[in-house]
Amino acid sequence: MSPGLGGAQKNGLGGAQKNTGSSLRPPLTIVISGPGGVGKSTIADLLVSRDPQLWLSRSWTTRAQREGESDRAYVFVSPEQFQDRIDASGFLEWTEFLGNLYGTPMPAPVAGSDVVLEIEVDGAQQVKKLQDDAILIFVLPPTRTEQERRLRERGDREEKVHARLHKAETEEPIGLQLADHVVVNDSLDETIDEMLRIIDRARSGDRD
């Protein structure tokens, strides 16, 4: 099964609505991507907790929920449920990653919100093709050793740890080429502060 782009239209994210503030600017789409073990889910959750204008799209996956993993980390579904959503053009993007399916439902944020997508590198490529003004923040680990430690700490099985580390070697060059911004997640607090600054500048029209 090959990845797909759902039923989204280029330069639009399905049900996303325009901001209703005085500036009348269109909503931002902030894509957080990076290899496994860099802290994407934690970063996304902290961003939306710090900035009430951000709305996080919760991804679907067919992978098993890890022991101790929050029920809000993903919408955990069966392969049949995932396929039904594909057939209904219900994903903005979806991909197969290390034997499991991951997908972003068509976003439908509340009015006035900017959209945060926390997705795999392949999904980030798809979103950038659909919406070239989406802001891709690519997250890197400080070292490969630290990435490996984080993967083990979160409960990945041994074969998954090695598979994700191997996958990172091919994902990182792609992500670095696509990225509007690159952030090394060494200190989580500093990473969140840096990303919030990036988002604030983008809201004012500065994407550099």
N, C-alpha and C. Protein backbone atom coordinates (compact mmCIF):
# COMPACT_ATOMS: atom_id res chain seq x y z
N MET A 1 0.84 -1.18 0.00
CA MET A 1 0.00 0.00 0.00
C MET A 1 0.88 1.24 0.00
N SER A 2 0.59 2.18 -0.84
CA SER A 2 1.44 3.36 -0.97
C SER A 2 0.83 4.54 -0.23
N PRO A 3 1.66 5.52 0.16
CA PRO A 3 1.15 6.68 0.87
C PRO A 3 0.21 7.48 -0.01
N GLY A 4 -0.65 8.28 0.63
CA GLY A 4 -1.60 9.08 -0.13
C GLY A 4 -1.76 10.46 0.45
N LEU A 5 -2.40 11.32 -0.34
CA LEU A 5 -2.58 12.70 0.03
C LEU A 5 -4.02 13.01 0.42
N GLY A 6 -4.82 11.97 0.70
CA GLY A 6 -6.20 12.21 1.11
C GLY A 6 -6.95 12.98 0.04
N GLY A 7 -7.90 13.78 0.45
CA GLY A 7 -8.69 14.56 -0.50
C GLY A 7 -8.42 16.04 -0.38
N ALA A 8 -7.28 16.40 0.19
CA ALA A 8 -6.99 17.81 0.44
C ALA A 8 -6.73 18.56 -0.84
N GLN A 9 -6.98 19.85 -0.81
CA GLN A 9 -6.71 20.74 -1.94
C GLN A 9 -5.41 21.47 -1.69
N LYS A 10 -4.66 21.74 -2.75
CA LYS A 10 -3.39 22.45 -2.61
C LYS A 10 -3.65 23.82 -2.02
N ASN A 11 -2.74 24.22 -1.08
CA ASN A 11 -2.83 25.49 -0.37
C ASN A 11 -4.07 25.60 0.50
N GLY A 12 -4.61 24.47 0.92
CA GLY A 12 -5.73 24.49 1.85
C GLY A 12 -5.73 23.20 2.65
N LEU A 13 -6.17 23.26 3.90
CA LEU A 13 -6.13 22.08 4.75
C LEU A 13 -7.54 21.68 5.14
N GLY A 14 -8.31 21.26 4.15
CA GLY A 14 -9.62 20.72 4.43
C GLY A 14 -10.50 21.71 5.15
N GLY A 15 -10.85 21.40 6.41
CA GLY A 15 -11.81 22.22 7.14
C GLY A 15 -11.18 23.38 7.89
N ALA A 16 -9.90 23.66 7.70
CA ALA A 16 -9.28 24.77 8.42
C ALA A 16 -10.01 26.06 8.11
N GLN A 17 -10.26 26.88 9.15
CA GLN A 17 -10.99 28.12 8.98
C GLN A 17 -10.06 29.30 9.13
N LYS A 18 -10.43 30.41 8.55
CA LYS A 18 -9.60 31.59 8.65
C LYS A 18 -9.77 32.25 10.01
N ASN A 19 -8.70 32.91 10.45
CA ASN A 19 -8.76 33.64 11.70
C ASN A 19 -9.77 34.77 11.59
N THR A 20 -10.37 35.08 12.70
CA THR A 20 -11.38 36.14 12.70
C THR A 20 -10.89 37.40 13.39
N GLY A 21 -9.61 37.46 13.72
CA GLY A 21 -9.06 38.63 14.38
C GLY A 21 -8.96 39.81 13.42
N SER A 22 -8.54 40.97 13.96
CA SER A 22 -8.53 42.19 13.16
C SER A 22 -7.56 42.10 11.99
N SER A 23 -6.50 41.28 12.12
CA SER A 23 -5.53 41.18 11.04
C SER A 23 -6.07 40.37 9.88
N LEU A 24 -7.07 39.50 10.13
CA LEU A 24 -7.68 38.66 9.10
C LEU A 24 -6.65 37.82 8.36
N ARG A 25 -5.54 37.49 9.02
CA ARG A 25 -4.54 36.67 8.36
C ARG A 25 -5.03 35.23 8.30
N PRO A 26 -4.63 34.48 7.27
CA PRO A 26 -4.99 33.06 7.24
C PRO A 26 -4.26 32.31 8.34
N PRO A 27 -4.79 31.17 8.76
CA PRO A 27 -4.12 30.41 9.82
C PRO A 27 -2.80 29.85 9.34
N LEU A 28 -1.85 29.75 10.24
CA LEU A 28 -0.59 29.09 9.95
C LEU A 28 -0.76 27.58 10.07
N THR A 29 0.03 26.86 9.29
CA THR A 29 0.17 25.42 9.48
C THR A 29 1.61 25.16 9.88
N ILE A 30 1.81 24.67 11.11
CA ILE A 30 3.14 24.40 11.64
C ILE A 30 3.33 22.89 11.67
N VAL A 31 4.30 22.40 10.92
CA VAL A 31 4.58 20.98 10.83
C VAL A 31 5.80 20.67 11.69
N ILE A 32 5.63 19.81 12.68
CA ILE A 32 6.74 19.36 13.50
C ILE A 32 7.10 17.95 13.06
N SER A 33 8.32 17.78 12.58
CA SER A 33 8.74 16.48 12.09
C SER A 33 10.17 16.20 12.52
N GLY A 34 10.56 14.95 12.36
CA GLY A 34 11.91 14.54 12.75
C GLY A 34 11.93 13.04 12.95
N PRO A 35 13.09 12.47 13.10
CA PRO A 35 13.19 11.02 13.30
C PRO A 35 12.63 10.61 14.66
N GLY A 36 12.39 9.30 14.82
CA GLY A 36 11.87 8.78 16.08
C GLY A 36 12.82 9.04 17.23
N GLY A 37 12.26 9.40 18.39
CA GLY A 37 13.07 9.60 19.58
C GLY A 37 13.55 11.03 19.79
N VAL A 38 13.13 11.97 18.94
CA VAL A 38 13.57 13.36 19.14
C VAL A 38 12.63 14.13 20.06
N GLY A 39 11.46 13.55 20.38
CA GLY A 39 10.55 14.22 21.30
C GLY A 39 9.42 14.98 20.63
N LYS A 40 9.03 14.58 19.42
CA LYS A 40 8.01 15.33 18.67
C LYS A 40 6.69 15.45 19.43
N SER A 41 6.21 14.33 19.99
CA SER A 41 4.91 14.36 20.67
C SER A 41 4.95 15.25 21.91
N THR A 42 6.01 15.14 22.68
CA THR A 42 6.14 15.97 23.88
C THR A 42 6.20 17.45 23.50
N ILE A 43 6.96 17.75 22.46
CA ILE A 43 7.08 19.14 21.99
C ILE A 43 5.73 19.67 21.56
N ALA A 44 4.99 18.90 20.76
CA ALA A 44 3.70 19.36 20.26
C ALA A 44 2.73 19.63 21.41
N ASP A 45 2.69 18.73 22.39
CA ASP A 45 1.79 18.92 23.53
C ASP A 45 2.15 20.16 24.33
N LEU A 46 3.44 20.40 24.53
CA LEU A 46 3.86 21.57 25.29
C LEU A 46 3.60 22.86 24.53
N LEU A 47 3.77 22.84 23.22
CA LEU A 47 3.49 24.04 22.43
C LEU A 47 2.03 24.47 22.59
N VAL A 48 1.10 23.53 22.44
CA VAL A 48 -0.31 23.90 22.52
C VAL A 48 -0.71 24.27 23.95
N SER A 49 0.00 23.73 24.94
CA SER A 49 -0.30 24.12 26.33
C SER A 49 0.21 25.52 26.64
N ARG A 50 1.26 25.94 25.93
CA ARG A 50 1.84 27.27 26.16
C ARG A 50 1.18 28.36 25.31
N ASP A 51 0.61 27.99 24.19
CA ASP A 51 0.06 28.98 23.25
C ASP A 51 -1.38 28.63 22.93
N PRO A 52 -2.36 29.35 23.48
CA PRO A 52 -3.77 29.02 23.27
C PRO A 52 -4.26 29.21 21.83
N GLN A 53 -3.45 29.87 20.99
CA GLN A 53 -3.83 30.03 19.59
C GLN A 53 -3.48 28.81 18.74
N LEU A 54 -2.80 27.83 19.33
CA LEU A 54 -2.40 26.65 18.59
C LEU A 54 -3.41 25.52 18.79
N TRP A 55 -3.68 24.79 17.71
CA TRP A 55 -4.60 23.65 17.73
C TRP A 55 -3.86 22.45 17.16
N LEU A 56 -3.79 21.38 17.95
CA LEU A 56 -3.02 20.19 17.56
C LEU A 56 -3.92 19.16 16.91
N SER A 57 -3.57 18.75 15.70
CA SER A 57 -4.25 17.65 15.02
C SER A 57 -3.71 16.33 15.54
N ARG A 58 -4.58 15.48 16.07
CA ARG A 58 -4.15 14.21 16.64
C ARG A 58 -4.11 13.15 15.55
N SER A 59 -2.94 12.57 15.30
CA SER A 59 -2.77 11.60 14.22
C SER A 59 -3.38 10.25 14.57
N TRP A 60 -3.71 9.49 13.54
CA TRP A 60 -4.15 8.11 13.68
C TRP A 60 -2.98 7.17 13.44
N THR A 61 -2.99 6.00 14.08
CA THR A 61 -1.98 4.99 13.80
C THR A 61 -2.53 3.60 14.05
N THR A 62 -1.97 2.65 13.32
CA THR A 62 -2.33 1.24 13.54
C THR A 62 -1.34 0.54 14.45
N ARG A 63 -0.29 1.24 14.91
CA ARG A 63 0.67 0.56 15.77
C ARG A 63 0.08 0.36 17.15
N ALA A 64 0.64 -0.59 17.89
CA ALA A 64 0.17 -0.87 19.24
C ALA A 64 0.56 0.26 20.19
N GLN A 65 -0.28 0.54 21.13
CA GLN A 65 0.01 1.55 22.14
C GLN A 65 1.09 1.02 23.07
N ARG A 66 2.13 1.84 23.33
CA ARG A 66 3.19 1.43 24.22
C ARG A 66 2.70 1.41 25.67
N GLU A 67 3.32 0.59 26.47
CA GLU A 67 2.99 0.54 27.89
C GLU A 67 3.24 1.91 28.51
N GLY A 68 2.25 2.44 29.18
CA GLY A 68 2.37 3.74 29.82
C GLY A 68 2.16 4.92 28.90
N GLU A 69 1.93 4.68 27.61
CA GLU A 69 1.74 5.77 26.65
C GLU A 69 0.36 6.38 26.82
N SER A 70 0.28 7.69 26.75
CA SER A 70 -0.99 8.39 26.92
C SER A 70 -1.98 7.98 25.83
N ASP A 71 -3.25 7.91 26.21
CA ASP A 71 -4.30 7.63 25.23
C ASP A 71 -4.43 8.76 24.22
N ARG A 72 -3.89 9.93 24.55
CA ARG A 72 -3.98 11.09 23.66
C ARG A 72 -2.78 11.21 22.73
N ALA A 73 -1.83 10.29 22.83
CA ALA A 73 -0.66 10.37 21.95
C ALA A 73 -1.06 10.22 20.50
N TYR A 74 -1.95 9.27 20.24
CA TYR A 74 -2.51 9.02 18.91
C TYR A 74 -3.95 8.57 19.08
N VAL A 75 -4.66 8.55 17.97
CA VAL A 75 -5.90 7.79 17.90
C VAL A 75 -5.49 6.40 17.42
N PHE A 76 -5.55 5.41 18.30
CA PHE A 76 -5.10 4.06 17.98
C PHE A 76 -6.26 3.29 17.35
N VAL A 77 -6.05 2.81 16.12
CA VAL A 77 -7.12 2.16 15.37
C VAL A 77 -6.61 0.86 14.75
N SER A 78 -7.54 0.06 14.27
CA SER A 78 -7.20 -1.18 13.56
C SER A 78 -6.85 -0.86 12.11
N PRO A 79 -6.14 -1.75 11.42
CA PRO A 79 -5.88 -1.54 9.99
C PRO A 79 -7.16 -1.37 9.18
N GLU A 80 -8.23 -2.06 9.57
CA GLU A 80 -9.49 -1.95 8.85
C GLU A 80 -10.11 -0.55 9.03
N GLN A 81 -10.05 -0.02 10.24
CA GLN A 81 -10.56 1.33 10.48
C GLN A 81 -9.75 2.37 9.70
N PHE A 82 -8.43 2.15 9.67
CA PHE A 82 -7.57 3.08 8.94
C PHE A 82 -7.91 3.05 7.45
N GLN A 83 -8.08 1.85 6.90
CA GLN A 83 -8.40 1.72 5.48
C GLN A 83 -9.75 2.37 5.16
N ASP A 84 -10.71 2.22 6.07
CA ASP A 84 -12.01 2.86 5.85
C ASP A 84 -11.86 4.37 5.76
N ARG A 85 -10.97 4.92 6.58
CA ARG A 85 -10.76 6.38 6.56
C ARG A 85 -10.07 6.79 5.26
N ILE A 86 -9.13 5.98 4.78
CA ILE A 86 -8.50 6.25 3.49
C ILE A 86 -9.55 6.26 2.39
N ASP A 87 -10.40 5.24 2.38
CA ASP A 87 -11.42 5.11 1.34
C ASP A 87 -12.39 6.28 1.34
N ALA A 88 -12.57 6.89 2.51
CA ALA A 88 -13.48 8.03 2.63
C ALA A 88 -12.77 9.36 2.40
N SER A 89 -11.49 9.31 1.93
CA SER A 89 -10.69 10.53 1.72
C SER A 89 -10.62 11.37 3.00
N GLY A 90 -10.46 10.68 4.12
CA GLY A 90 -10.50 11.37 5.39
C GLY A 90 -9.16 11.80 5.95
N PHE A 91 -8.08 11.56 5.20
CA PHE A 91 -6.75 11.96 5.67
C PHE A 91 -6.18 13.08 4.82
N LEU A 92 -5.55 14.03 5.49
CA LEU A 92 -4.74 15.02 4.78
C LEU A 92 -3.53 14.35 4.18
N GLU A 93 -2.88 13.49 4.97
CA GLU A 93 -1.75 12.69 4.49
C GLU A 93 -1.73 11.41 5.29
N TRP A 94 -1.15 10.36 4.70
CA TRP A 94 -0.94 9.13 5.44
C TRP A 94 0.26 8.41 4.85
N THR A 95 0.87 7.56 5.66
CA THR A 95 2.05 6.86 5.20
C THR A 95 2.21 5.55 5.98
N GLU A 96 2.99 4.66 5.42
CA GLU A 96 3.39 3.44 6.13
C GLU A 96 4.80 3.65 6.65
N PHE A 97 5.00 3.34 7.93
CA PHE A 97 6.31 3.57 8.56
C PHE A 97 6.63 2.37 9.44
N LEU A 98 7.69 1.65 9.07
CA LEU A 98 8.14 0.48 9.83
C LEU A 98 7.00 -0.50 10.10
N GLY A 99 6.19 -0.72 9.07
CA GLY A 99 5.15 -1.73 9.16
C GLY A 99 3.83 -1.27 9.75
N ASN A 100 3.72 -0.02 10.15
CA ASN A 100 2.47 0.52 10.68
C ASN A 100 2.03 1.72 9.85
N LEU A 101 0.74 2.00 9.90
CA LEU A 101 0.17 3.12 9.17
C LEU A 101 -0.01 4.32 10.10
N TYR A 102 0.30 5.49 9.60
CA TYR A 102 0.13 6.74 10.33
C TYR A 102 -0.58 7.73 9.41
N GLY A 103 -1.52 8.51 9.94
CA GLY A 103 -2.22 9.46 9.10
C GLY A 103 -2.72 10.67 9.87
N THR A 104 -2.84 11.79 9.16
CA THR A 104 -3.37 13.03 9.72
C THR A 104 -4.78 13.25 9.20
N PRO A 105 -5.81 13.20 10.06
CA PRO A 105 -7.16 13.50 9.60
C PRO A 105 -7.24 14.93 9.05
N MET A 106 -8.20 15.15 8.18
CA MET A 106 -8.41 16.51 7.66
C MET A 106 -8.61 17.47 8.83
N PRO A 107 -7.74 18.47 8.98
CA PRO A 107 -7.86 19.38 10.12
C PRO A 107 -9.14 20.19 10.07
N ALA A 108 -9.74 20.39 11.22
CA ALA A 108 -10.92 21.25 11.36
C ALA A 108 -10.77 22.05 12.66
N PRO A 109 -9.80 22.96 12.70
CA PRO A 109 -9.55 23.70 13.94
C PRO A 109 -10.65 24.70 14.23
N VAL A 110 -10.71 25.13 15.49
CA VAL A 110 -11.64 26.20 15.83
C VAL A 110 -11.16 27.49 15.16
N ALA A 111 -12.10 28.37 14.88
CA ALA A 111 -11.77 29.63 14.22
C ALA A 111 -10.75 30.41 15.05
N GLY A 112 -9.78 30.98 14.38
CA GLY A 112 -8.77 31.78 15.05
C GLY A 112 -7.55 31.02 15.47
N SER A 113 -7.50 29.70 15.20
CA SER A 113 -6.38 28.88 15.63
C SER A 113 -5.39 28.63 14.50
N ASP A 114 -4.13 28.48 14.86
CA ASP A 114 -3.11 27.99 13.95
C ASP A 114 -2.94 26.50 14.18
N VAL A 115 -2.70 25.76 13.11
CA VAL A 115 -2.71 24.30 13.14
C VAL A 115 -1.31 23.75 13.37
N VAL A 116 -1.19 22.79 14.28
CA VAL A 116 0.07 22.08 14.52
C VAL A 116 -0.11 20.64 14.07
N LEU A 117 0.78 20.18 13.18
CA LEU A 117 0.81 18.79 12.75
C LEU A 117 2.10 18.17 13.25
N GLU A 118 2.00 17.05 13.94
CA GLU A 118 3.18 16.33 14.42
C GLU A 118 3.24 15.01 13.66
N ILE A 119 4.13 14.95 12.64
CA ILE A 119 4.05 13.86 11.67
C ILE A 119 5.43 13.36 11.26
N GLU A 120 5.43 12.17 10.63
CA GLU A 120 6.66 11.58 10.12
C GLU A 120 7.17 12.38 8.92
N VAL A 121 8.42 12.13 8.55
CA VAL A 121 9.06 12.90 7.48
C VAL A 121 8.32 12.72 6.15
N ASP A 122 7.89 11.49 5.85
CA ASP A 122 7.17 11.27 4.61
C ASP A 122 5.88 12.08 4.58
N GLY A 123 5.18 12.12 5.70
CA GLY A 123 3.96 12.92 5.79
C GLY A 123 4.25 14.41 5.63
N ALA A 124 5.37 14.86 6.19
CA ALA A 124 5.76 16.27 6.05
C ALA A 124 6.00 16.63 4.58
N GLN A 125 6.60 15.72 3.83
CA GLN A 125 6.78 15.94 2.40
C GLN A 125 5.44 16.12 1.70
N GLN A 126 4.49 15.29 2.06
CA GLN A 126 3.17 15.37 1.44
C GLN A 126 2.49 16.70 1.75
N VAL A 127 2.56 17.13 3.01
CA VAL A 127 1.93 18.38 3.41
C VAL A 127 2.58 19.57 2.69
N LYS A 128 3.90 19.57 2.57
CA LYS A 128 4.58 20.66 1.89
C LYS A 128 4.19 20.74 0.41
N LYS A 129 3.89 19.58 -0.20
CA LYS A 129 3.43 19.59 -1.58
C LYS A 129 2.03 20.19 -1.69
N LEU A 130 1.20 19.91 -0.69
CA LEU A 130 -0.17 20.41 -0.68
C LEU A 130 -0.23 21.88 -0.30
N GLN A 131 0.60 22.28 0.64
CA GLN A 131 0.56 23.64 1.16
C GLN A 131 1.99 24.14 1.30
N ASP A 132 2.47 24.82 0.27
CA ASP A 132 3.89 25.17 0.24
C ASP A 132 4.26 26.24 1.26
N ASP A 133 3.25 26.92 1.84
CA ASP A 133 3.58 27.90 2.87
C ASP A 133 3.50 27.33 4.29
N ALA A 134 3.25 26.02 4.39
CA ALA A 134 3.33 25.39 5.71
C ALA A 134 4.74 25.55 6.27
N ILE A 135 4.85 25.77 7.56
CA ILE A 135 6.15 26.01 8.21
C ILE A 135 6.64 24.69 8.80
N LEU A 136 7.68 24.15 8.21
CA LEU A 136 8.22 22.87 8.68
C LEU A 136 9.38 23.11 9.65
N ILE A 137 9.18 22.70 10.90
CA ILE A 137 10.23 22.74 11.90
C ILE A 137 10.74 21.32 12.07
N PHE A 138 11.97 21.11 11.66
CA PHE A 138 12.56 19.77 11.71
C PHE A 138 13.39 19.64 12.98
N VAL A 139 13.07 18.62 13.77
CA VAL A 139 13.70 18.44 15.07
C VAL A 139 14.75 17.34 15.00
N LEU A 140 15.92 17.62 15.54
CA LEU A 140 17.02 16.67 15.57
C LEU A 140 17.39 16.32 17.01
N PRO A 141 17.91 15.13 17.23
CA PRO A 141 18.45 14.81 18.55
C PRO A 141 19.84 15.42 18.69
N PRO A 142 20.29 15.67 19.91
CA PRO A 142 21.64 16.23 20.07
C PRO A 142 22.72 15.28 19.58
N THR A 143 22.51 13.98 19.77
CA THR A 143 23.45 12.96 19.30
C THR A 143 22.64 11.70 18.98
N ARG A 144 23.24 10.80 18.19
CA ARG A 144 22.58 9.53 17.91
C ARG A 144 22.49 8.68 19.18
N THR A 145 23.50 8.80 20.03
CA THR A 145 23.48 8.07 21.29
C THR A 145 22.31 8.49 22.16
N GLU A 146 22.06 9.80 22.21
CA GLU A 146 20.94 10.30 23.00
C GLU A 146 19.62 9.88 22.38
N GLN A 147 19.54 9.88 21.06
CA GLN A 147 18.33 9.41 20.40
C GLN A 147 18.04 7.95 20.78
N GLU A 148 19.09 7.13 20.75
CA GLU A 148 18.93 5.72 21.10
C GLU A 148 18.46 5.58 22.55
N ARG A 149 19.02 6.38 23.45
CA ARG A 149 18.62 6.32 24.85
C ARG A 149 17.14 6.66 25.01
N ARG A 150 16.68 7.68 24.30
CA ARG A 150 15.28 8.10 24.40
C ARG A 150 14.34 7.02 23.86
N LEU A 151 14.74 6.38 22.77
CA LEU A 151 13.91 5.31 22.20
C LEU A 151 13.75 4.16 23.19
N ARG A 152 14.87 3.81 23.83
CA ARG A 152 14.80 2.72 24.81
C ARG A 152 13.98 3.14 26.04
N GLU A 153 14.15 4.37 26.45
CA GLU A 153 13.47 4.86 27.65
C GLU A 153 11.96 4.89 27.47
N ARG A 154 11.50 5.16 26.25
CA ARG A 154 10.05 5.22 26.03
C ARG A 154 9.45 3.83 25.81
N GLY A 155 10.28 2.80 25.77
CA GLY A 155 9.76 1.44 25.73
C GLY A 155 9.76 0.76 24.38
N ASP A 156 10.46 1.32 23.39
CA ASP A 156 10.54 0.65 22.09
C ASP A 156 11.26 -0.70 22.23
N ARG A 157 10.77 -1.71 21.51
CA ARG A 157 11.44 -2.99 21.50
C ARG A 157 12.77 -2.87 20.78
N GLU A 158 13.68 -3.82 21.08
CA GLU A 158 15.05 -3.74 20.57
C GLU A 158 15.09 -3.62 19.05
N GLU A 159 14.28 -4.42 18.35
CA GLU A 159 14.31 -4.38 16.89
C GLU A 159 13.77 -3.05 16.36
N LYS A 160 12.82 -2.44 17.09
CA LYS A 160 12.29 -1.14 16.68
C LYS A 160 13.30 -0.03 16.90
N VAL A 161 14.06 -0.15 17.99
CA VAL A 161 15.12 0.85 18.24
C VAL A 161 16.09 0.87 17.07
N HIS A 162 16.57 -0.30 16.68
CA HIS A 162 17.55 -0.35 15.58
C HIS A 162 16.92 0.09 14.27
N ALA A 163 15.66 -0.27 14.04
CA ALA A 163 14.99 0.13 12.80
C ALA A 163 14.82 1.65 12.74
N ARG A 164 14.45 2.26 13.86
CA ARG A 164 14.27 3.71 13.86
C ARG A 164 15.60 4.45 13.72
N LEU A 165 16.64 3.93 14.33
CA LEU A 165 17.95 4.57 14.17
C LEU A 165 18.42 4.47 12.73
N HIS A 166 18.19 3.32 12.11
CA HIS A 166 18.57 3.14 10.71
C HIS A 166 17.75 4.06 9.81
N LYS A 167 16.45 4.14 10.09
CA LYS A 167 15.56 5.01 9.31
C LYS A 167 15.97 6.47 9.42
N ALA A 168 16.44 6.87 10.58
CA ALA A 168 16.85 8.26 10.80
C ALA A 168 17.97 8.68 9.85
N GLU A 169 18.83 7.74 9.49
CA GLU A 169 19.94 8.06 8.59
C GLU A 169 19.45 8.51 7.23
N THR A 170 18.30 7.97 6.78
CA THR A 170 17.75 8.38 5.48
C THR A 170 16.76 9.53 5.62
N GLU A 171 16.09 9.62 6.78
CA GLU A 171 15.11 10.69 6.97
C GLU A 171 15.75 12.06 7.14
N GLU A 172 16.85 12.11 7.86
CA GLU A 172 17.42 13.40 8.22
C GLU A 172 17.84 14.24 7.02
N PRO A 173 18.51 13.69 6.01
CA PRO A 173 18.84 14.52 4.85
C PRO A 173 17.60 15.08 4.15
N ILE A 174 16.54 14.28 4.08
CA ILE A 174 15.30 14.73 3.45
C ILE A 174 14.68 15.86 4.28
N GLY A 175 14.60 15.64 5.59
CA GLY A 175 14.02 16.65 6.46
C GLY A 175 14.79 17.95 6.46
N LEU A 176 16.11 17.85 6.45
CA LEU A 176 16.94 19.06 6.45
C LEU A 176 16.75 19.86 5.16
N GLN A 177 16.54 19.17 4.07
CA GLN A 177 16.32 19.85 2.79
C GLN A 177 14.96 20.54 2.76
N LEU A 178 13.96 19.91 3.35
CA LEU A 178 12.60 20.46 3.35
C LEU A 178 12.41 21.58 4.37
N ALA A 179 13.17 21.54 5.44
CA ALA A 179 12.88 22.34 6.62
C ALA A 179 12.96 23.84 6.39
N ASP A 180 12.02 24.55 7.01
CA ASP A 180 12.13 26.01 7.11
C ASP A 180 12.97 26.39 8.31
N HIS A 181 12.93 25.55 9.34
CA HIS A 181 13.72 25.78 10.55
C HIS A 181 14.18 24.43 11.08
N VAL A 182 15.38 24.40 11.65
CA VAL A 182 15.92 23.19 12.26
C VAL A 182 16.21 23.49 13.72
N VAL A 183 15.70 22.62 14.60
CA VAL A 183 15.89 22.80 16.03
C VAL A 183 16.47 21.51 16.61
N VAL A 184 17.54 21.64 17.36
CA VAL A 184 18.12 20.49 18.05
C VAL A 184 17.52 20.43 19.44
N ASN A 185 16.83 19.32 19.74
CA ASN A 185 16.15 19.18 21.03
C ASN A 185 17.12 18.61 22.06
N ASP A 186 17.96 19.49 22.58
CA ASP A 186 18.90 19.13 23.65
C ASP A 186 18.26 19.44 24.99
N SER A 187 17.79 20.69 25.13
CA SER A 187 17.06 21.11 26.33
C SER A 187 15.61 21.35 25.91
N LEU A 188 14.67 20.62 26.51
CA LEU A 188 13.28 20.73 26.11
C LEU A 188 12.74 22.14 26.30
N ASP A 189 13.05 22.77 27.42
CA ASP A 189 12.57 24.14 27.68
C ASP A 189 13.07 25.10 26.60
N GLU A 190 14.35 25.00 26.25
CA GLU A 190 14.90 25.88 25.22
C GLU A 190 14.30 25.59 23.86
N THR A 191 14.02 24.31 23.59
CA THR A 191 13.40 23.94 22.32
C THR A 191 12.02 24.58 22.20
N ILE A 192 11.21 24.49 23.25
CA ILE A 192 9.86 25.07 23.22
C ILE A 192 9.94 26.59 23.05
N ASP A 193 10.84 27.23 23.79
CA ASP A 193 10.99 28.68 23.68
C ASP A 193 11.37 29.08 22.26
N GLU A 194 12.30 28.34 21.66
CA GLU A 194 12.74 28.65 20.30
C GLU A 194 11.60 28.48 19.30
N MET A 195 10.82 27.42 19.45
CA MET A 195 9.72 27.18 18.52
C MET A 195 8.63 28.25 18.67
N LEU A 196 8.35 28.66 19.89
CA LEU A 196 7.36 29.72 20.09
C LEU A 196 7.82 31.03 19.46
N ARG A 197 9.11 31.30 19.51
CA ARG A 197 9.63 32.50 18.86
C ARG A 197 9.46 32.39 17.33
N ILE A 198 9.73 31.21 16.78
CA ILE A 198 9.55 30.99 15.34
C ILE A 198 8.10 31.25 14.94
N ILE A 199 7.17 30.73 15.73
CA ILE A 199 5.74 30.88 15.43
C ILE A 199 5.32 32.35 15.55
N ASP A 200 5.78 33.03 16.59
CA ASP A 200 5.44 34.44 16.76
C ASP A 200 5.95 35.27 15.58
N ARG A 201 7.16 34.99 15.12
CA ARG A 201 7.70 35.73 13.97
C ARG A 201 6.88 35.45 12.72
N ALA A 202 6.49 34.19 12.54
CA ALA A 202 5.68 33.84 11.37
C ALA A 202 4.34 34.55 11.39
N ARG A 203 3.76 34.71 12.55
CA ARG A 203 2.48 35.42 12.65
C ARG A 203 2.61 36.88 12.25
N SER A 204 3.79 37.43 12.44
CA SER A 204 4.02 38.82 12.06
C SER A 204 4.52 38.95 10.62
N GLY A 205 4.61 37.80 9.93
CA GLY A 205 5.02 37.81 8.53
C GLY A 205 6.46 37.52 8.28
N ASP A 206 7.25 37.24 9.34
CA ASP A 206 8.67 36.94 9.22
C ASP A 206 8.87 35.43 9.32
N ARG A 207 9.19 34.79 8.19
CA ARG A 207 9.36 33.35 8.18
C ARG A 207 10.81 32.93 8.27
N ASP A 208 11.74 33.87 8.41
CA ASP A 208 13.17 33.53 8.47
C ASP A 208 13.60 33.23 9.90
